[in-house]
């Protein structure tokens, strides 16, 4: 679970870095915008979307793993309550 959370955090950091690059894109300064800048901004938005989707997926997997671990623990605890130790 820790690896999934660390990977999701890496995607968050990736998005932060991409947003810094995207800060150069200012549609209010249309005189400065050339086709290359518009293409680059479009690619940055795509990269942000991909990182966000991956981060979201990693967090969902983390929750599923946590839920599964909790269920295993609950089953183990209830099983130990139902079947007392007969060696005593």
Protein backbone atom coordinates (compact mmCIF):
# COMPACT_ATOMS: atom_id res chain seq x y z
CA UNK A 1 0.00 0.00 0.00
CA UNK A 2 2.90 2.34 0.78
CA UNK A 3 4.28 1.85 -2.73
CA UNK A 4 0.94 2.79 -4.26
CA UNK A 5 0.72 5.93 -2.13
CA UNK A 6 4.32 6.87 -2.99
CA UNK A 7 3.58 6.40 -6.69
CA UNK A 8 0.48 8.58 -6.38
CA UNK A 9 2.58 11.25 -4.66
CA UNK A 10 5.05 11.07 -7.55
CA UNK A 11 2.18 11.85 -9.93
CA UNK A 12 1.22 14.82 -7.75
CA UNK A 13 4.78 16.12 -7.97
CA UNK A 14 4.76 15.55 -11.73
CA UNK A 15 1.58 17.61 -12.04
CA UNK A 16 3.14 20.40 -9.97
CA UNK A 17 6.14 20.51 -12.31
CA UNK A 18 3.92 20.50 -15.39
CA UNK A 19 1.86 23.36 -13.96
CA UNK A 20 5.03 25.40 -13.57
CA UNK A 21 5.73 24.88 -17.27
CA UNK A 22 2.13 25.67 -18.13
CA UNK A 23 2.40 29.02 -16.32
CA UNK A 24 4.09 30.43 -19.44
CA UNK A 25 0.85 29.92 -21.34
CA UNK A 26 -1.22 33.08 -20.99
CA UNK A 27 -4.13 33.34 -23.42
CA UNK A 28 -4.60 37.01 -22.46
CA UNK A 29 -1.36 37.77 -24.27
CA UNK A 30 -2.59 36.56 -27.65
CA UNK A 31 0.02 38.64 -29.47
CA UNK A 32 2.78 36.54 -27.87
CA UNK A 33 1.09 33.18 -28.50
CA UNK A 34 2.37 31.36 -31.52
CA UNK A 35 1.34 28.00 -32.84
CA UNK A 36 4.23 26.23 -31.11
CA UNK A 37 3.25 27.61 -27.72
CA UNK A 38 -0.36 26.53 -28.23
CA UNK A 39 0.78 23.03 -29.23
CA UNK A 40 3.09 22.83 -26.20
CA UNK A 41 0.32 23.95 -23.85
CA UNK A 42 -1.97 21.30 -25.34
CA UNK A 43 0.65 18.62 -24.73
CA UNK A 44 1.15 19.83 -21.16
CA UNK A 45 -2.59 19.61 -20.52
CA UNK A 46 -2.54 16.05 -21.90
CA UNK A 47 0.38 15.11 -19.65
CA UNK A 48 -1.41 16.60 -16.64
CA UNK A 49 -4.55 14.65 -17.47
CA UNK A 50 -2.56 11.40 -17.81
CA UNK A 51 -0.74 11.97 -14.51
CA UNK A 52 -4.03 12.79 -12.78
CA UNK A 53 -5.68 9.64 -14.15
CA UNK A 54 -2.75 7.49 -13.05
CA UNK A 55 -2.68 9.12 -9.61
CA UNK A 56 -6.39 8.54 -9.24
CA UNK A 57 -6.03 4.89 -10.23
CA UNK A 58 -3.17 4.38 -7.78
CA UNK A 59 -5.22 5.85 -4.94
CA UNK A 60 -8.21 3.64 -5.81
CA UNK A 61 -5.93 0.59 -5.75
CA UNK A 62 -4.56 1.72 -2.40
CA UNK A 63 -8.07 1.94 -0.95
CA UNK A 64 -8.96 -1.50 -2.32
CA UNK A 65 -5.84 -3.01 -0.79
CA UNK A 66 -6.55 -1.33 2.54
CA UNK A 67 -10.13 -2.62 2.46
CA UNK A 68 -8.94 -6.14 1.63
CA UNK A 69 -6.38 -6.06 4.44
CA UNK A 70 -9.02 -4.83 6.89
CA UNK A 71 -11.37 -7.61 5.82
CA UNK A 72 -8.68 -10.28 6.26
CA UNK A 73 -7.89 -8.94 9.71
CA UNK A 74 -11.58 -8.91 10.72
CA UNK A 75 -12.06 -12.47 9.49
CA UNK A 76 -8.95 -13.63 11.35
CA UNK A 77 -10.10 -11.91 14.54
CA UNK A 78 -13.61 -13.33 14.33
CA UNK A 79 -12.24 -16.80 13.58
CA UNK A 80 -10.02 -16.71 16.66
CA UNK A 81 -13.05 -15.70 18.76
CA UNK A 82 -15.24 -18.47 17.39
CA UNK A 83 -12.69 -21.26 17.81
CA UNK A 84 -11.10 -21.12 21.25
CA UNK A 85 -7.63 -22.50 21.70
CA UNK A 86 -8.16 -26.20 22.49
CA UNK A 87 -4.56 -26.76 23.61
CA UNK A 88 -5.33 -25.17 27.00
